[in-house]
Structure formats: C-alpha cells, structure tokens
Amino acid sequence: MSSLATHDQPGAPDGPATPQTLMRALEALSPAQHTLLREVARYTEPVTVTELAVGMGLHPNSVRESMAALLDAGLVARGRRPAVGRGRPSWTYRSVAPAQPSALAREFADVCAAVADHLADTVPDPEAAARDIGSRWARRMVDVAGPPAGKNGQPLDEPQRIDVHGGRLRLLLSSLGYGALSEETPGRLTLHQCPLRIEGQVPSPLVCQMHRGLIDEVLQRVSHGNVEAELTPFAGPDHCTVALHLTKRDAATA
C-alpha cells in the first residue's frame, strides 16, 4: 500500500449519498463486484487496479470491469497517484468515506448526550431504553430488509455469511460517520470515529448502547436473524470493535 498522496474524485454524481441509496446499491452488486468492494475496503490508503489484481490473483481487466461498476454506483472514489519519472499517473481507488464532521454533527452529538442523561435520570432500565432508541433509529433511517443472502433462499456457510454481512455493516456504518474498517478476520470491524461523540469528551455508556441497538437492528434485518454482533466500546485508545458471529440457533445447524 503506497503512502503517496492522491486527489480523490467522487463516483457517479447520483451515487449513494444516504444509507437508503447505499443499501440499494449494495443489493445490486454482482458477486465479483461485492468481492472487489470488500478487497478495496481492506486498504487504509487508495489502491490501484494493478495492486488489487496482484493481491486477488485476477487479471487487471477483470478488476477494471468490476471497478467501473463500483465507481458508477458511487461506492468507490477515484483519484490520481503522482507519477514517478515520466510515466502516466495511476488511477487509485478507495471505498466511500463520510465527510468531515460538521456543526450539524456536533449538534446531533449534543442531543444524543442529553438523551443519555435523561435516560440515566428517569428510566428504570436506561441501558435497555438506549438500545431501543438505537433500534428505532435504524428502522427509521434505512429499510435494509431483503431476501436471505443464500442462493434460492438457502443459508450460506459461516465464513461467507459473516463476510457478506460484515461488509454490508461496514459500509453502512462508514456512511454514518463511524470510520469503519474491515479486519483480516471475516466479520470483524474496527470503528475509528464516533458521530455521537463530542470532541474531547468520553461518551456516556448509554450512547454506546444506542450504537449497539443500531447494529443489532441492522443485522437482524439484513441477515434475517442469522447473525449477531458483539460491540466492544474503546477496545483500544482510539477505536471500538464489532465482531459478528452466527446466532446460537443458526450455529447449531451449521
């Protein structure tokens, strides 16, 4: 992965700018396009078609064809890597990332902090109430219900199912400002940003419960109850982690 600077250009102007359009674009991807999108998401810096082709063991033309579809859908951004010597600058690609937090995001974080304070002071079970808020947030924000991920409604094997739903969750969380990145282990995500955190302050544990409710509801809808997640707030000094796993019901039949 090169550290050379790039200048990003957005994908299609009518590409996914909201969680709703993002999820619709994801549902329309072919298996090859989805695989490529997950591979691009593994890179913390923009990557070229050649680098992707080498890493995936594919012909560059195959990667280029799938990348064009991702760019048209607005799921990746394209930029130029400065040329070395007399060669032409290379196109580079990265998965979509949220814009920098704005004043509106700060106001949203303030409101969530106030809600957390209210729950702590007035509700018998504030953690359950906070999770319910996150769940309701997910239901109001995006309709992610769809057919099971398996072919003809049949369940997928564990690694593929975890990988597919982990990729969907990562893109949705990134679109909301969580700075989500995939880890090497399928279904493990690292969240490097928090749209509900006020800069310089440690968020209330109830805000983390709102996150948990959001994630649980999204996974319930996209996996039809087959996949659950464990959210670990502040797993490191500057990040949280999410680990996906099969439900006990599904694991018993796997």
Protein backbone atom coordinates (compact mmCIF):
# COMPACT_ATOMS: atom_id res chain seq x y z
CA MET A 1 0.00 0.00 0.00
CA SER A 2 1.61 3.23 -1.11
CA SER A 3 1.69 6.37 1.02
CA LEU A 4 1.82 8.67 -1.98
CA ALA A 5 -0.83 11.36 -1.99
CA THR A 6 -3.86 11.13 -4.23
CA HIS A 7 -6.57 13.54 -5.26
CA ASP A 8 -9.97 11.94 -4.93
CA GLN A 9 -12.79 12.38 -7.36
CA PRO A 10 -16.26 11.15 -6.41
CA GLY A 11 -18.01 8.40 -8.28
CA ALA A 12 -21.25 8.94 -10.14
CA PRO A 13 -23.00 12.15 -9.05
CA ASP A 14 -26.17 10.18 -8.40
CA GLY A 15 -24.28 7.56 -6.38
CA PRO A 16 -25.32 6.58 -2.86
CA ALA A 17 -25.31 9.63 -0.61
CA THR A 18 -27.70 8.26 2.02
CA PRO A 19 -27.95 4.93 3.88
CA GLN A 20 -31.06 4.09 1.85
CA THR A 21 -29.41 4.52 -1.55
CA LEU A 22 -26.23 2.90 -0.26
CA MET A 23 -28.03 -0.29 0.69
CA ARG A 24 -29.90 -0.39 -2.63
CA ALA A 25 -26.60 -0.08 -4.48
CA LEU A 26 -25.11 -2.92 -2.41
CA GLU A 27 -28.04 -5.21 -3.15
CA ALA A 28 -27.49 -4.67 -6.90
CA LEU A 29 -23.84 -5.78 -6.87
CA SER A 30 -22.74 -8.98 -8.56
CA PRO A 31 -20.65 -11.46 -6.51
CA ALA A 32 -17.48 -10.31 -8.29
CA GLN A 33 -18.24 -6.65 -7.59
CA HIS A 34 -19.01 -7.35 -3.94
CA THR A 35 -15.76 -9.29 -3.56
CA LEU A 36 -13.80 -6.42 -5.09
CA LEU A 37 -15.51 -3.86 -2.87
CA ARG A 38 -14.58 -5.86 0.23
CA GLU A 39 -10.99 -6.05 -1.00
CA VAL A 40 -10.77 -2.29 -1.59
CA ALA A 41 -12.13 -1.73 1.93
CA ARG A 42 -9.17 -3.65 3.39
CA TYR A 43 -6.78 -0.93 2.27
CA THR A 44 -6.30 2.09 4.51
CA GLU A 45 -4.92 4.08 1.55
CA PRO A 46 -6.04 4.37 -2.10
CA VAL A 47 -5.09 1.35 -4.20
CA THR A 48 -4.56 0.79 -7.93
CA VAL A 49 -6.17 -1.80 -10.20
CA THR A 50 -2.78 -3.47 -10.66
CA GLU A 51 -2.24 -3.76 -6.90
CA LEU A 52 -5.70 -5.23 -6.47
CA ALA A 53 -5.22 -7.68 -9.35
CA VAL A 54 -1.95 -8.95 -7.87
CA GLY A 55 -3.44 -9.28 -4.39
CA MET A 56 -6.53 -11.12 -5.63
CA GLY A 57 -4.83 -13.23 -8.29
CA LEU A 58 -7.03 -11.81 -11.06
CA HIS A 59 -6.43 -10.31 -14.48
CA PRO A 60 -6.34 -6.49 -14.34
CA ASN A 61 -9.11 -6.29 -16.95
CA SER A 62 -11.45 -8.28 -14.69
CA VAL A 63 -10.70 -5.96 -11.80
CA ARG A 64 -11.09 -2.90 -14.02
CA GLU A 65 -14.53 -4.03 -15.24
CA SER A 66 -15.86 -4.58 -11.71
CA MET A 67 -14.28 -1.34 -10.52
CA ALA A 68 -16.10 0.62 -13.22
CA ALA A 69 -19.41 -0.68 -11.88
CA LEU A 70 -18.46 0.28 -8.31
CA LEU A 71 -17.46 3.75 -9.48
CA ASP A 72 -20.73 4.22 -11.39
CA ALA A 73 -22.65 3.17 -8.27
CA GLY A 74 -20.79 5.73 -6.17
CA LEU A 75 -19.36 3.04 -3.87
CA VAL A 76 -15.73 3.99 -4.53
CA ALA A 77 -13.92 7.24 -5.17
CA ARG A 78 -11.19 7.61 -7.80
CA GLY A 79 -8.04 9.69 -7.59
CA ARG A 80 -4.62 10.13 -9.21
CA ARG A 81 -1.35 8.96 -7.71
CA PRO A 82 1.53 11.29 -8.67
CA ALA A 83 3.61 9.84 -11.49
CA VAL A 84 7.11 8.58 -10.79
CA GLY A 85 9.52 9.67 -13.52
CA ARG A 86 7.98 10.09 -16.97
CA GLY A 87 5.17 7.57 -16.53
CA ARG A 88 1.50 8.48 -16.50
CA PRO A 89 -0.19 8.98 -13.12
CA SER A 90 -2.05 5.88 -11.95
CA TRP A 91 -5.72 5.86 -11.07
CA THR A 92 -6.31 4.88 -7.46
CA TYR A 93 -9.49 3.84 -5.70
CA ARG A 94 -10.82 3.84 -2.16
CA SER A 95 -14.14 2.84 -0.63
CA VAL A 96 -16.52 5.67 0.14
CA ALA A 97 -15.90 7.60 3.37
CA PRO A 98 -18.07 10.10 5.19
CA ALA A 99 -17.43 13.82 5.06
CA GLN A 100 -15.73 15.57 7.93
CA PRO A 101 -17.96 16.19 10.96
CA SER A 102 -19.89 19.44 10.65
CA ALA A 103 -21.61 21.77 13.07
CA LEU A 104 -24.78 19.77 12.49
CA ALA A 105 -22.98 16.60 13.58
CA ARG A 106 -21.88 18.34 16.77
CA GLU A 107 -25.47 19.37 17.49
CA PHE A 108 -26.58 15.79 16.89
CA ALA A 109 -23.97 14.53 19.36
CA ASP A 110 -25.14 17.10 21.92
CA VAL A 111 -28.74 15.93 21.55
CA CYS A 112 -27.74 12.28 21.98
CA ALA A 113 -25.73 13.17 25.09
CA ALA A 114 -28.76 14.98 26.50
CA VAL A 115 -30.97 11.98 25.74
CA ALA A 116 -28.48 9.71 27.52
CA ASP A 117 -28.52 11.98 30.58
CA HIS A 118 -32.32 11.96 30.57
CA LEU A 119 -32.46 8.16 30.38
CA ALA A 120 -29.96 7.80 33.22
CA ASP A 121 -32.04 10.08 35.45
CA THR A 122 -35.57 8.95 34.65
CA VAL A 123 -35.75 5.39 33.26
CA PRO A 124 -35.66 2.22 35.41
CA ASP A 125 -33.53 0.35 32.82
CA PRO A 126 -31.63 3.06 30.92
CA GLU A 127 -29.42 0.58 29.00
CA ALA A 128 -32.42 -1.24 27.53
CA ALA A 129 -34.05 2.09 26.69
CA ALA A 130 -30.86 3.29 24.95
CA ARG A 131 -30.68 0.09 22.87
CA ASP A 132 -34.31 0.58 21.89
CA ILE A 133 -33.51 4.11 20.71
CA GLY A 134 -30.71 2.71 18.52
CA SER A 135 -33.05 0.07 17.13
CA ARG A 136 -35.72 2.64 16.34
CA TRP A 137 -33.06 4.84 14.74
CA ALA A 138 -32.09 2.00 12.41
CA ARG A 139 -35.70 1.28 11.46
CA ARG A 140 -36.45 4.92 10.69
CA MET A 141 -33.18 5.57 8.91
CA VAL A 142 -32.97 2.76 6.39
CA ASP A 143 -35.04 -0.09 5.06
CA VAL A 144 -32.49 -2.86 4.73
CA ALA A 145 -34.88 -5.80 4.64
CA GLY A 146 -34.26 -8.17 1.74
CA PRO A 147 -34.01 -11.82 0.73
CA PRO A 148 -31.63 -14.16 2.57
CA ALA A 149 -28.07 -13.97 1.32
CA GLY A 150 -28.01 -17.60 0.22
CA LYS A 151 -28.82 -18.82 -3.29
CA ASN A 152 -32.54 -19.58 -3.69
CA GLY A 153 -33.06 -18.78 -0.01
CA GLN A 154 -30.62 -21.45 1.20
CA PRO A 155 -28.26 -20.46 4.05
CA LEU A 156 -24.64 -19.76 3.27
CA ASP A 157 -21.72 -21.40 5.05
CA GLU A 158 -20.42 -19.49 8.08
CA PRO A 159 -17.35 -17.72 6.61
CA GLN A 160 -19.22 -16.38 3.57
CA ARG A 161 -22.27 -15.32 5.53
CA ILE A 162 -20.20 -13.49 8.14
CA ASP A 163 -18.08 -11.89 5.42
CA VAL A 164 -21.06 -10.67 3.38
CA HIS A 165 -22.96 -9.18 6.28
CA GLY A 166 -19.78 -7.73 7.79
CA GLY A 167 -19.16 -5.91 4.50
CA ARG A 168 -22.70 -4.56 4.41
CA LEU A 169 -22.49 -3.38 8.01
CA ARG A 170 -19.10 -1.75 7.43
CA LEU A 171 -20.34 0.30 4.51
CA LEU A 172 -23.47 1.39 6.33
CA LEU A 173 -21.52 2.42 9.44
CA SER A 174 -18.98 4.29 7.30
CA SER A 175 -21.81 6.19 5.61
CA LEU A 176 -22.96 7.28 9.08
CA GLY A 177 -19.52 8.53 10.10
CA TYR A 178 -18.06 5.64 12.10
CA GLY A 179 -14.89 5.29 10.01
CA ALA A 180 -15.38 1.51 9.89
CA LEU A 181 -12.59 -0.68 8.52
CA SER A 182 -12.60 -4.44 7.96
CA GLU A 183 -10.04 -6.56 9.78
CA GLU A 184 -8.35 -9.66 8.38
CA THR A 185 -10.76 -11.94 10.24
CA PRO A 186 -14.14 -12.10 8.42
CA GLY A 187 -16.84 -10.24 10.27
CA ARG A 188 -14.54 -8.17 12.48
CA LEU A 189 -14.69 -4.37 12.14
CA THR A 190 -12.78 -1.52 13.73
CA LEU A 191 -14.64 1.76 14.26
CA HIS A 192 -12.22 4.69 14.22
CA GLN A 193 -14.76 7.50 14.55
CA CYS A 194 -17.94 8.13 16.50
CA PRO A 195 -20.57 10.53 15.13
CA LEU A 196 -22.23 10.65 18.58
CA ARG A 197 -19.07 11.60 20.46
CA ILE A 198 -18.36 15.19 21.47
CA GLU A 199 -14.72 16.01 20.83
CA GLY A 200 -12.64 15.92 23.99
CA GLN A 201 -15.30 14.09 26.00
CA VAL A 202 -15.81 10.43 26.84
CA PRO A 203 -19.30 9.44 25.65
CA SER A 204 -21.85 8.09 28.07
CA PRO A 205 -22.06 4.28 28.15
CA LEU A 206 -25.69 4.79 27.17
CA VAL A 207 -24.57 6.32 23.87
CA CYS A 208 -22.64 3.10 23.25
CA GLN A 209 -25.85 1.18 23.94
CA MET A 210 -27.55 3.26 21.24
CA HIS A 211 -24.82 2.09 18.85
CA ARG A 212 -25.43 -1.48 19.94
CA GLY A 213 -29.16 -1.17 19.26
CA LEU A 214 -28.47 0.28 15.82
CA ILE A 215 -26.06 -2.50 14.87
CA ASP A 216 -28.32 -5.25 16.24
CA GLU A 217 -31.32 -3.99 14.29
CA VAL A 218 -29.39 -3.66 11.03
CA LEU A 219 -28.02 -7.20 11.33
CA GLN A 220 -31.44 -8.56 12.27
CA ARG A 221 -32.80 -7.17 9.02
CA VAL A 222 -30.01 -7.97 6.59
CA SER A 223 -29.32 -11.48 7.97
CA HIS A 224 -32.89 -12.40 8.94
CA GLY A 225 -31.71 -13.15 12.47
CA ASN A 226 -28.84 -15.44 11.42
CA VAL A 227 -26.01 -13.14 12.51
CA GLU A 228 -25.40 -11.22 15.73
CA ALA A 229 -22.68 -8.79 16.76
CA GLU A 230 -20.66 -8.01 19.86
CA LEU A 231 -19.74 -4.33 20.22
CA THR A 232 -16.68 -3.59 22.37
CA PRO A 233 -16.50 0.13 23.19
CA PHE A 234 -12.97 1.51 23.47
CA ALA A 235 -11.27 -1.76 22.64
CA GLY A 236 -8.25 0.47 22.02
CA PRO A 237 -7.37 4.06 22.90
CA ASP A 238 -8.94 5.44 19.72
CA HIS A 239 -11.32 2.80 18.43
CA CYS A 240 -14.15 0.37 19.14
CA THR A 241 -14.60 -3.07 17.61
CA VAL A 242 -17.51 -5.09 16.29
CA ALA A 243 -17.35 -8.89 15.99
CA LEU A 244 -20.03 -10.74 14.03
CA HIS A 245 -20.98 -14.34 14.78
CA LEU A 246 -23.74 -16.79 13.95
CA THR A 247 -26.72 -16.88 16.26
CA LYS A 248 -26.86 -19.86 18.60
CA ARG A 249 -29.85 -21.14 16.66
CA ASP A 250 -28.00 -20.99 13.35
CA ALA A 251 -24.69 -22.27 14.74
CA ALA A 252 -26.45 -25.41 15.99
CA THR A 253 -27.45 -26.30 12.42
CA ALA A 254 -24.24 -25.20 10.69
